[in-house]
PDB file of all heavy atoms in Angstrom:
ATOM      1  N   VAL A   1       0.853  -1.186   0.000  1.00  0.00           N
ATOM      2  CA  VAL A   1       0.000   0.000   0.000  1.00  0.00           C
ATOM      3  C   VAL A   1       0.890   1.237   0.000  1.00  0.00           C
ATOM      4  O   VAL A   1       1.820   1.344   0.814  1.00  0.00           O
ATOM      5  CB  VAL A   1      -0.924   0.020   1.231  1.00  0.00           C
ATOM      6  CG1 VAL A   1      -1.730   1.312   1.268  1.00  0.00           C
ATOM      7  CG2 VAL A   1      -1.848  -1.189   1.214  1.00  0.00           C
ATOM      8  N   TYR A   2       0.618   2.153  -0.922  1.00  0.00           N
ATOM      9  CA  TYR A   2       1.326   3.431  -0.947  1.00  0.00           C
ATOM     10  C   TYR A   2       0.558   4.374  -0.031  1.00  0.00           C
ATOM     11  O   TYR A   2      -0.485   4.905  -0.409  1.00  0.00           O
ATOM     12  CB  TYR A   2       1.383   3.965  -2.379  1.00  0.00           C
ATOM     13  CG  TYR A   2       2.097   5.289  -2.536  1.00  0.00           C
ATOM     14  CD1 TYR A   2       3.093   5.699  -1.657  1.00  0.00           C
ATOM     15  CD2 TYR A   2       1.779   6.120  -3.598  1.00  0.00           C
ATOM     16  CE1 TYR A   2       3.748   6.900  -1.817  1.00  0.00           C
ATOM     17  CE2 TYR A   2       2.434   7.331  -3.773  1.00  0.00           C
ATOM     18  CZ  TYR A   2       3.414   7.714  -2.883  1.00  0.00           C
ATOM     19  OH  TYR A   2       4.054   8.919  -3.047  1.00  0.00           O
ATOM     20  N   GLU A   3       1.074   4.541   1.174  1.00  0.00           N
ATOM     21  CA  GLU A   3       0.347   5.267   2.214  1.00  0.00           C
ATOM     22  C   GLU A   3       0.637   6.767   2.157  1.00  0.00           C
ATOM     23  O   GLU A   3       1.787   7.193   2.221  1.00  0.00           O
ATOM     24  CB  GLU A   3       0.722   4.723   3.600  1.00  0.00           C
ATOM     25  CG  GLU A   3       0.288   3.291   3.819  1.00  0.00           C
ATOM     26  CD  GLU A   3       0.552   2.835   5.241  1.00  0.00           C
ATOM     27  OE1 GLU A   3       0.620   3.689   6.147  1.00  0.00           O
ATOM     28  OE2 GLU A   3       0.686   1.621   5.440  1.00  0.00           O
ATOM     29  N   ASN A   4      -0.442   7.546   2.054  1.00  0.00           N
ATOM     30  CA  ASN A   4      -0.372   8.996   2.114  1.00  0.00           C
ATOM     31  C   ASN A   4      -1.479   9.483   3.045  1.00  0.00           C
ATOM     32  O   ASN A   4      -2.527   9.965   2.600  1.00  0.00           O
ATOM     33  CB  ASN A   4      -0.526   9.599   0.712  1.00  0.00           C
ATOM     34  CG  ASN A   4       0.662   9.271  -0.174  1.00  0.00           C
ATOM     35  OD1 ASN A   4       1.739   9.796   0.002  1.00  0.00           O
ATOM     36  ND2 ASN A   4       0.449   8.358  -1.120  1.00  0.00           N
ATOM     37  N   PRO A   5      -1.276   9.335   4.369  1.00  0.00           N
ATOM     38  CA  PRO A   5      -2.311   9.710   5.325  1.00  0.00           C
ATOM     39  C   PRO A   5      -2.580  11.204   5.297  1.00  0.00           C
ATOM     40  O   PRO A   5      -1.691  12.011   4.987  1.00  0.00           O
ATOM     41  CB  PRO A   5      -1.728   9.273   6.668  1.00  0.00           C
ATOM     42  CG  PRO A   5      -0.253   9.184   6.444  1.00  0.00           C
ATOM     43  CD  PRO A   5      -0.073   8.801   5.010  1.00  0.00           C
ATOM     44  N   PRO A   6      -3.813  11.624   5.605  1.00  0.00           N
ATOM     45  CA  PRO A   6      -4.185  13.031   5.496  1.00  0.00           C
ATOM     46  C   PRO A   6      -3.277  13.984   6.263  1.00  0.00           C
ATOM     47  O   PRO A   6      -2.960  15.074   5.758  1.00  0.00           O
ATOM     48  CB  PRO A   6      -5.615  13.055   6.047  1.00  0.00           C
ATOM     49  CG  PRO A   6      -6.154  11.693   5.745  1.00  0.00           C
ATOM     50  CD  PRO A   6      -4.990  10.776   5.928  1.00  0.00           C
ATOM     51  N   ASP A   7      -2.826  13.601   7.465  1.00  0.00           N
ATOM     52  CA  ASP A   7      -1.992  14.529   8.227  1.00  0.00           C
ATOM     53  C   ASP A   7      -0.644  14.752   7.549  1.00  0.00           C
ATOM     54  O   ASP A   7      -0.114  15.870   7.556  1.00  0.00           O
ATOM     55  CB  ASP A   7      -1.804  14.042   9.668  1.00  0.00           C
ATOM     56  CG  ASP A   7      -1.176  12.659   9.770  1.00  0.00           C
ATOM     57  OD1 ASP A   7      -1.162  11.925   8.759  1.00  0.00           O
ATOM     58  OD2 ASP A   7      -0.703  12.310  10.864  1.00  0.00           O
ATOM     59  N   LEU A   8      -0.083  13.711   6.934  1.00  0.00           N
ATOM     60  CA  LEU A   8       1.182  13.876   6.219  1.00  0.00           C
ATOM     61  C   LEU A   8       0.987  14.711   4.953  1.00  0.00           C
ATOM     62  O   LEU A   8       1.806  15.586   4.640  1.00  0.00           O
ATOM     63  CB  LEU A   8       1.778  12.515   5.863  1.00  0.00           C
ATOM     64  CG  LEU A   8       3.081  12.563   5.053  1.00  0.00           C
ATOM     65  CD1 LEU A   8       4.183  13.311   5.804  1.00  0.00           C
ATOM     66  CD2 LEU A   8       3.540  11.152   4.682  1.00  0.00           C
ATOM     67  N   VAL A   9      -0.098  14.451   4.226  1.00  0.00           N
ATOM     68  CA  VAL A   9      -0.380  15.230   3.020  1.00  0.00           C
ATOM     69  C   VAL A   9      -0.504  16.714   3.358  1.00  0.00           C
ATOM     70  O   VAL A   9       0.062  17.578   2.679  1.00  0.00           O
ATOM     71  CB  VAL A   9      -1.666  14.721   2.334  1.00  0.00           C
ATOM     72  CG1 VAL A   9      -2.067  15.635   1.187  1.00  0.00           C
ATOM     73  CG2 VAL A   9      -1.471  13.286   1.826  1.00  0.00           C
ATOM     74  N   GLU A  10      -1.224  17.008   4.433  1.00  0.00           N
ATOM     75  CA  GLU A  10      -1.397  18.411   4.831  1.00  0.00           C
ATOM     76  C   GLU A  10      -0.069  19.040   5.233  1.00  0.00           C
ATOM     77  O   GLU A  10       0.201  20.207   4.914  1.00  0.00           O
ATOM     78  CB  GLU A  10      -2.400  18.511   5.989  1.00  0.00           C
ATOM     79  CG  GLU A  10      -3.825  18.119   5.614  1.00  0.00           C
ATOM     80  CD  GLU A  10      -4.479  19.083   4.635  1.00  0.00           C
ATOM     81  OE1 GLU A  10      -4.085  20.267   4.593  1.00  0.00           O
ATOM     82  OE2 GLU A  10      -5.395  18.645   3.911  1.00  0.00           O
ATOM     83  N   TRP A  11       0.771  18.278   5.927  1.00  0.00           N
ATOM     84  CA  TRP A  11       2.070  18.815   6.339  1.00  0.00           C
ATOM     85  C   TRP A  11       2.962  19.083   5.127  1.00  0.00           C
ATOM     86  O   TRP A  11       3.599  20.145   5.036  1.00  0.00           O
ATOM     87  CB  TRP A  11       2.768  17.842   7.291  1.00  0.00           C
ATOM     88  CG  TRP A  11       4.107  18.371   7.744  1.00  0.00           C
ATOM     89  CD1 TRP A  11       4.349  19.265   8.738  1.00  0.00           C
ATOM     90  CD2 TRP A  11       5.382  18.034   7.179  1.00  0.00           C
ATOM     91  NE1 TRP A  11       5.694  19.521   8.833  1.00  0.00           N
ATOM     92  CE2 TRP A  11       6.362  18.776   7.889  1.00  0.00           C
ATOM     93  CE3 TRP A  11       5.811  17.188   6.155  1.00  0.00           C
ATOM     94  CZ2 TRP A  11       7.726  18.679   7.603  1.00  0.00           C
ATOM     95  CZ3 TRP A  11       7.157  17.099   5.864  1.00  0.00           C
ATOM     96  CH2 TRP A  11       8.103  17.842   6.582  1.00  0.00           C
ATOM     97  N   LEU A  12       3.014  18.133   4.189  1.00  0.00           N
ATOM     98  CA  LEU A  12       3.818  18.339   2.985  1.00  0.00           C
ATOM     99  C   LEU A  12       3.330  19.563   2.206  1.00  0.00           C
ATOM    100  O   LEU A  12       4.140  20.384   1.749  1.00  0.00           O
ATOM    101  CB  LEU A  12       3.766  17.094   2.095  1.00  0.00           C
ATOM    102  CG  LEU A  12       4.530  15.863   2.594  1.00  0.00           C
ATOM    103  CD1 LEU A  12       4.164  14.644   1.754  1.00  0.00           C
ATOM    104  CD2 LEU A  12       6.034  16.104   2.563  1.00  0.00           C
ATOM    105  N   ALA A  13       2.013  19.696   2.068  1.00  0.00           N
ATOM    106  CA  ALA A  13       1.460  20.855   1.351  1.00  0.00           C
ATOM    107  C   ALA A  13       1.817  22.148   2.071  1.00  0.00           C
ATOM    108  O   ALA A  13       2.147  23.167   1.429  1.00  0.00           O
ATOM    109  CB  ALA A  13      -0.048  20.710   1.221  1.00  0.00           C
ATOM    110  N   SER A  14       1.764  22.136   3.395  1.00  0.00           N
ATOM    111  CA  SER A  14       2.105  23.324   4.171  1.00  0.00           C
ATOM    112  C   SER A  14       3.571  23.703   3.982  1.00  0.00           C
ATOM    113  O   SER A  14       3.906  24.894   3.831  1.00  0.00           O
ATOM    114  CB  SER A  14       1.813  23.075   5.650  1.00  0.00           C
ATOM    115  OG  SER A  14       2.219  24.175   6.440  1.00  0.00           O
ATOM    116  N   GLU A  15       4.453  22.710   3.997  1.00  0.00           N
ATOM    117  CA  GLU A  15       5.872  22.977   3.771  1.00  0.00           C
ATOM    118  C   GLU A  15       6.101  23.554   2.372  1.00  0.00           C
ATOM    119  O   GLU A  15       6.924  24.458   2.181  1.00  0.00           O
ATOM    120  CB  GLU A  15       6.691  21.692   3.941  1.00  0.00           C
ATOM    121  CG  GLU A  15       6.818  21.219   5.371  1.00  0.00           C
ATOM    122  CD  GLU A  15       7.724  22.109   6.191  1.00  0.00           C
ATOM    123  OE1 GLU A  15       8.953  22.007   6.063  1.00  0.00           O
ATOM    124  OE2 GLU A  15       7.176  22.931   6.968  1.00  0.00           O
ATOM    125  N   MET A  16       5.382  23.045   1.379  1.00  0.00           N
ATOM    126  CA  MET A  16       5.524  23.569   0.024  1.00  0.00           C
ATOM    127  C   MET A  16       5.090  25.033  -0.040  1.00  0.00           C
ATOM    128  O   MET A  16       5.740  25.861  -0.698  1.00  0.00           O
ATOM    129  CB  MET A  16       4.739  22.697  -0.961  1.00  0.00           C
ATOM    130  CG  MET A  16       5.335  21.304  -1.139  1.00  0.00           C
ATOM    131  SD  MET A  16       4.434  20.275  -2.327  1.00  0.00           S
ATOM    132  CE  MET A  16       5.109  18.652  -1.928  1.00  0.00           C
ATOM    133  N   LYS A  17       4.012  25.377   0.644  1.00  0.00           N
ATOM    134  CA  LYS A  17       3.580  26.777   0.704  1.00  0.00           C
ATOM    135  C   LYS A  17       4.642  27.641   1.385  1.00  0.00           C
ATOM    136  O   LYS A  17       4.968  28.738   0.919  1.00  0.00           O
ATOM    137  CB  LYS A  17       2.254  26.905   1.447  1.00  0.00           C
ATOM    138  CG  LYS A  17       1.034  26.505   0.657  1.00  0.00           C
ATOM    139  CD  LYS A  17      -0.248  26.808   1.415  1.00  0.00           C
ATOM    140  CE  LYS A  17      -0.474  28.297   1.564  1.00  0.00           C
ATOM    141  NZ  LYS A  17      -1.784  28.601   2.190  1.00  0.00           N
ATOM    142  N   THR A  18       5.177  27.148   2.474  1.00  0.00           N
ATOM    143  CA  THR A  18       6.162  27.911   3.239  1.00  0.00           C
ATOM    144  C   THR A  18       7.381  28.254   2.399  1.00  0.00           C
ATOM    145  O   THR A  18       7.902  29.391   2.464  1.00  0.00           O
ATOM    146  CB  THR A  18       6.606  27.113   4.482  1.00  0.00           C
ATOM    147  OG1 THR A  18       5.492  26.948   5.349  1.00  0.00           O
ATOM    148  CG2 THR A  18       7.723  27.827   5.227  1.00  0.00           C
ATOM    149  N   TYR A  19       7.829  27.323   1.578  1.00  0.00           N
ATOM    150  CA  TYR A  19       9.065  27.513   0.830  1.00  0.00           C
ATOM    151  C   TYR A  19       8.835  27.878  -0.642  1.00  0.00           C
ATOM    152  O   TYR A  19       9.785  27.898  -1.427  1.00  0.00           O
ATOM    153  CB  TYR A  19       9.943  26.263   0.948  1.00  0.00           C
ATOM    154  CG  TYR A  19      10.403  26.031   2.371  1.00  0.00           C
ATOM    155  CD1 TYR A  19       9.848  25.021   3.149  1.00  0.00           C
ATOM    156  CD2 TYR A  19      11.357  26.863   2.959  1.00  0.00           C
ATOM    157  CE1 TYR A  19      10.255  24.823   4.465  1.00  0.00           C
ATOM    158  CE2 TYR A  19      11.764  26.678   4.271  1.00  0.00           C
ATOM    159  CZ  TYR A  19      11.205  25.655   5.023  1.00  0.00           C
ATOM    160  OH  TYR A  19      11.604  25.467   6.327  1.00  0.00           O
ATOM    161  N   GLY A  20       7.600  28.180  -1.007  1.00  0.00           N
ATOM    162  CA  GLY A  20       7.317  28.624  -2.368  1.00  0.00           C
ATOM    163  C   GLY A  20       7.512  27.556  -3.422  1.00  0.00           C
ATOM    164  O   GLY A  20       7.954  27.844  -4.534  1.00  0.00           O
ATOM    165  N   VAL A  21       7.160  26.319  -3.076  1.00  0.00           N
ATOM    166  CA  VAL A  21       7.317  25.180  -3.981  1.00  0.00           C
ATOM    167  C   VAL A  21       5.954  24.835  -4.570  1.00  0.00           C
ATOM    168  O   VAL A  21       4.991  24.619  -3.831  1.00  0.00           O
ATOM    169  CB  VAL A  21       7.875  23.961  -3.218  1.00  0.00           C
ATOM    170  CG1 VAL A  21       8.045  22.768  -4.160  1.00  0.00           C
ATOM    171  CG2 VAL A  21       9.192  24.310  -2.529  1.00  0.00           C
ATOM    172  N   LYS A  22       5.870  24.751  -5.890  1.00  0.00           N
ATOM    173  CA  LYS A  22       4.588  24.380  -6.516  1.00  0.00           C
ATOM    174  C   LYS A  22       4.445  22.868  -6.528  1.00  0.00           C
ATOM    175  O   LYS A  22       5.313  22.160  -7.056  1.00  0.00           O
ATOM    176  CB  LYS A  22       4.489  24.910  -7.943  1.00  0.00           C
ATOM    177  CG  LYS A  22       3.114  24.623  -8.573  1.00  0.00           C
ATOM    178  CD  LYS A  22       2.994  25.211  -9.957  1.00  0.00           C
ATOM    179  CE  LYS A  22       1.604  24.938 -10.549  1.00  0.00           C
ATOM    180  NZ  LYS A  22       0.537  25.670  -9.850  1.00  0.00           N
ATOM    181  N   PRO A  23       3.364  22.342  -5.956  1.00  0.00           N
ATOM    182  CA  PRO A  23       3.173  20.892  -5.995  1.00  0.00           C
ATOM    183  C   PRO A  23       2.673  20.413  -7.354  1.00  0.00           C
ATOM    184  O   PRO A  23       1.916  21.108  -8.033  1.00  0.00           O
ATOM    185  CB  PRO A  23       2.123  20.642  -4.914  1.00  0.00           C
ATOM    186  CG  PRO A  23       1.400  21.930  -4.754  1.00  0.00           C
ATOM    187  CD  PRO A  23       2.337  23.022  -5.161  1.00  0.00           C
ATOM    188  N   GLU A  24       3.151  19.246  -7.737  1.00  0.00           N
ATOM    189  CA  GLU A  24       2.538  18.516  -8.844  1.00  0.00           C
ATOM    190  C   GLU A  24       1.724  17.395  -8.202  1.00  0.00           C
ATOM    191  O   GLU A  24       2.273  16.546  -7.511  1.00  0.00           O
ATOM    192  CB  GLU A  24       3.582  17.929  -9.788  1.00  0.00           C
ATOM    193  CG  GLU A  24       2.958  17.111 -10.921  1.00  0.00           C
ATOM    194  CD  GLU A  24       3.999  16.499 -11.829  1.00  0.00           C
ATOM    195  OE1 GLU A  24       4.508  15.409 -11.487  1.00  0.00           O
ATOM    196  OE2 GLU A  24       4.311  17.105 -12.870  1.00  0.00           O
ATOM    197  N   ILE A  25       0.414  17.426  -8.398  1.00  0.00           N
ATOM    198  CA  ILE A  25      -0.472  16.447  -7.781  1.00  0.00           C
ATOM    199  C   ILE A  25      -0.380  15.131  -8.546  1.00  0.00           C
ATOM    200  O   ILE A  25      -0.708  15.062  -9.727  1.00  0.00           O
ATOM    201  CB  ILE A  25      -1.933  16.951  -7.776  1.00  0.00           C
ATOM    202  CG1 ILE A  25      -2.033  18.329  -7.121  1.00  0.00           C
ATOM    203  CG2 ILE A  25      -2.842  15.935  -7.100  1.00  0.00           C
ATOM    204  CD1 ILE A  25      -1.558  18.395  -5.697  1.00  0.00           C
ATOM    205  N   GLU A  26       0.078  14.084  -7.843  1.00  0.00           N
ATOM    206  CA  GLU A  26       0.204  12.773  -8.470  1.00  0.00           C
ATOM    207  C   GLU A  26      -1.114  12.030  -8.280  1.00  0.00           C
ATOM    208  O   GLU A  26      -1.407  11.554  -7.177  1.00  0.00           O
ATOM    209  CB  GLU A  26       1.355  11.995  -7.841  1.00  0.00           C
ATOM    210  CG  GLU A  26       2.684  12.732  -7.799  1.00  0.00           C
ATOM    211  CD  GLU A  26       3.253  13.029  -9.162  1.00  0.00           C
ATOM    212  OE1 GLU A  26       2.916  12.299 -10.121  1.00  0.00           O
ATOM    213  OE2 GLU A  26       4.019  13.984  -9.286  1.00  0.00           O
ATOM    214  N   ALA A  27      -1.911  11.950  -9.320  1.00  0.00           N
ATOM    215  CA  ALA A  27      -3.249  11.349  -9.223  1.00  0.00           C
ATOM    216  C   ALA A  27      -3.195   9.887  -9.651  1.00  0.00           C
ATOM    217  O   ALA A  27      -3.074   9.577 -10.839  1.00  0.00           O
ATOM    218  CB  ALA A  27      -4.232  12.132 -10.080  1.00  0.00           C
ATOM    219  N   PHE A  28      -3.282   9.002  -8.682  1.00  0.00           N
ATOM    220  CA  PHE A  28      -3.348   7.562  -8.931  1.00  0.00           C
ATOM    221  C   PHE A  28      -4.789   7.070  -8.925  1.00  0.00           C
ATOM    222  O   PHE A  28      -5.041   5.882  -9.120  1.00  0.00           O
ATOM    223  CB  PHE A  28      -2.562   6.803  -7.861  1.00  0.00           C
ATOM    224  CG  PHE A  28      -1.080   7.049  -7.881  1.00  0.00           C
ATOM    225  CD1 PHE A  28      -0.536   8.101  -7.166  1.00  0.00           C
ATOM    226  CD2 PHE A  28      -0.227   6.237  -8.614  1.00  0.00           C
ATOM    227  CE1 PHE A  28       0.835   8.329  -7.155  1.00  0.00           C
ATOM    228  CE2 PHE A  28       1.138   6.455  -8.618  1.00  0.00           C
ATOM    229  CZ  PHE A  28       1.673   7.507  -7.899  1.00  0.00           C
ATOM    230  N   ASP A  29      -5.724   7.997  -8.666  1.00  0.00           N
ATOM    231  CA  ASP A  29      -7.127   7.624  -8.504  1.00  0.00           C
ATOM    232  C   ASP A  29      -7.963   8.886  -8.748  1.00  0.00           C
ATOM    233  O   ASP A  29      -7.480  10.007  -8.519  1.00  0.00           O
ATOM    234  CB  ASP A  29      -7.349   7.100  -7.079  1.00  0.00           C
ATOM    235  CG  ASP A  29      -8.764   6.614  -6.841  1.00  0.00           C
ATOM    236  OD1 ASP A  29      -9.021   5.431  -7.130  1.00  0.00           O
ATOM    237  OD2 ASP A  29      -9.593   7.407  -6.374  1.00  0.00           O
ATOM    238  N   LEU A  30      -9.190   8.708  -9.193  1.00  0.00           N
ATOM    239  CA  LEU A  30     -10.061   9.859  -9.449  1.00  0.00           C
ATOM    240  C   LEU A  30     -10.257  10.695  -8.190  1.00  0.00           C
ATOM    241  O   LEU A  30     -10.313  11.931  -8.255  1.00  0.00           O
ATOM    242  CB  LEU A  30     -11.413   9.379  -9.979  1.00  0.00           C
ATOM    243  CG  LEU A  30     -12.424  10.460 -10.353  1.00  0.00           C
ATOM    244  CD1 LEU A  30     -11.905  11.351 -11.471  1.00  0.00           C
ATOM    245  CD2 LEU A  30     -13.753   9.824 -10.760  1.00  0.00           C
ATOM    246  N   SER A  31     -10.336  10.044  -7.040  1.00  0.00           N
ATOM    247  CA  SER A  31     -10.551  10.775  -5.796  1.00  0.00           C
ATOM    248  C   SER A  31      -9.420  11.743  -5.501  1.00  0.00           C
ATOM    249  O   SER A  31      -9.618  12.764  -4.828  1.00  0.00           O
ATOM    250  CB  SER A  31     -10.707   9.806  -4.622  1.00  0.00           C
ATOM    251  OG  SER A  31      -9.511   9.080  -4.403  1.00  0.00           O
ATOM    252  N   HIS A  32      -8.229  11.470  -6.013  1.00  0.00           N
ATOM    253  CA  HIS A  32      -7.092  12.346  -5.754  1.00  0.00           C
ATOM    254  C   HIS A  32      -7.266  13.702  -6.451  1.00  0.00           C
ATOM    255  O   HIS A  32      -6.796  14.731  -5.943  1.00  0.00           O
ATOM    256  CB  HIS A  32      -5.801  11.680  -6.207  1.00  0.00           C
ATOM    257  CG  HIS A  32      -5.507  10.406  -5.472  1.00  0.00           C
ATOM    258  ND1 HIS A  32      -4.499   9.547  -5.853  1.00  0.00           N
ATOM    259  CD2 HIS A  32      -6.096   9.832  -4.387  1.00  0.00           C
ATOM    260  CE1 HIS A  32      -4.471   8.507  -5.030  1.00  0.00           C
ATOM    261  NE2 HIS A  32      -5.441   8.661  -4.152  1.00  0.00           N
ATOM    262  N   ILE A  33      -7.932  13.712  -7.584  1.00  0.00           N
ATOM    263  CA  ILE A  33      -8.193  14.979  -8.269  1.00  0.00           C
ATOM    264  C   ILE A  33      -9.196  15.796  -7.459  1.00  0.00           C
ATOM    265  O   ILE A  33      -9.025  17.017  -7.273  1.00  0.00           O
ATOM    266  CB  ILE A  33      -8.701  14.734  -9.698  1.00  0.00           C
ATOM    267  CG1 ILE A  33      -7.698  13.885 -10.490  1.00  0.00           C
ATOM    268  CG2 ILE A  33      -8.936  16.070 -10.413  1.00  0.00           C
ATOM    269  CD1 ILE A  33      -8.148  13.523 -11.881  1.00  0.00           C
ATOM    270  N   TYR A  34     -10.211  15.141  -6.949  1.00  0.00           N
ATOM    271  CA  TYR A  34     -11.188  15.837  -6.108  1.00  0.00           C
ATOM    272  C   TYR A  34     -10.556  16.314  -4.794  1.00  0.00           C
ATOM    273  O   TYR A  34     -10.897  17.387  -4.286  1.00  0.00           O
ATOM    274  CB  TYR A  34     -12.392  14.939  -5.831  1.00  0.00           C
ATOM    275  CG  TYR A  34     -13.367  14.897  -6.981  1.00  0.00           C
ATOM    276  CD1 TYR A  34     -13.251  13.944  -7.978  1.00  0.00           C
ATOM    277  CD2 TYR A  34     -14.395  15.837  -7.085  1.00  0.00           C
ATOM    278  CE1 TYR A  34     -14.135  13.911  -9.051  1.00  0.00           C
ATOM    279  CE2 TYR A  34     -15.280  15.813  -8.147  1.00  0.00           C
ATOM    280  CZ  TYR A  34     -15.148  14.847  -9.120  1.00  0.00           C
ATOM    281  OH  TYR A  34     -16.019  14.822 -10.185  1.00  0.00           O
ATOM    282  N   GLN A  35      -9.637  15.534  -4.254  1.00  0.00           N
ATOM    283  CA  GLN A  35      -8.946  15.963  -3.040  1.00  0.00           C
ATOM    284  C   GLN A  35      -8.100  17.202  -3.311  1.00  0.00           C
ATOM    285  O   GLN A  35      -8.033  18.115  -2.474  1.00  0.00           O
ATOM    286  CB  GLN A  35      -8.077  14.826  -2.502  1.00  0.00           C
ATOM    287  CG  GLN A  35      -7.260  15.168  -1.263  1.00  0.00           C
ATOM    288  CD  GLN A  35      -8.113  15.487  -0.045  1.00  0.00           C
ATOM    289  OE1 GLN A  35      -9.328  15.313  -0.060  1.00  0.00           O
ATOM    290  NE2 GLN A  35      -7.481  15.962   1.017  1.00  0.00           N
ATOM    291  N   ALA A  36      -7.446  17.260  -4.464  1.00  0.00           N
ATOM    292  CA  ALA A  36      -6.667  18.448  -4.817  1.00  0.00           C
ATOM    293  C   ALA A  36      -7.572  19.675  -4.914  1.00  0.00           C
ATOM    294  O   ALA A  36      -7.196  20.777  -4.485  1.00  0.00           O
ATOM    295  CB  ALA A  36      -5.940  18.227  -6.141  1.00  0.00           C
ATOM    296  N   LYS A  37      -8.758  19.501  -5.458  1.00  0.00           N
ATOM    297  CA  LYS A  37      -9.712  20.602  -5.535  1.00  0.00           C
ATOM    298  C   LYS A  37     -10.108  21.066  -4.141  1.00  0.00           C
ATOM    299  O   LYS A  37     -10.149  22.276  -3.854  1.00  0.00           O
ATOM    300  CB  LYS A  37     -10.946  20.150  -6.324  1.00  0.00           C
ATOM    301  CG  LYS A  37     -12.128  21.126  -6.309  1.00  0.00           C
ATOM    302  CD  LYS A  37     -11.790  22.462  -6.950  1.00  0.00           C
ATOM    303  CE  LYS A  37     -13.060  23.310  -7.094  1.00  0.00           C
ATOM    304  NZ  LYS A  37     -12.756  24.690  -7.534  1.00  0.00           N
ATOM    305  N   ALA A  38     -10.410  20.125  -3.232  1.00  0.00           N
ATOM    306  CA  ALA A  38     -10.795  20.486  -1.869  1.00  0.00           C
ATOM    307  C   ALA A  38      -9.664  21.215  -1.161  1.00  0.00           C
ATOM    308  O   ALA A  38      -9.890  22.205  -0.440  1.00  0.00           O
ATOM    309  CB  ALA A  38     -11.191  19.235  -1.091  1.00  0.00           C
TER     310      ALA A  38
END
């Protein structure tokens, strides 16, 4: 299982904001696109 728990995802996104890094959303599932929107 490729684990990406919500708390880790939020922390990584926060670090990217802090350092001005643009994320590339890796969508392995349709739900991941909707999560990026949320």
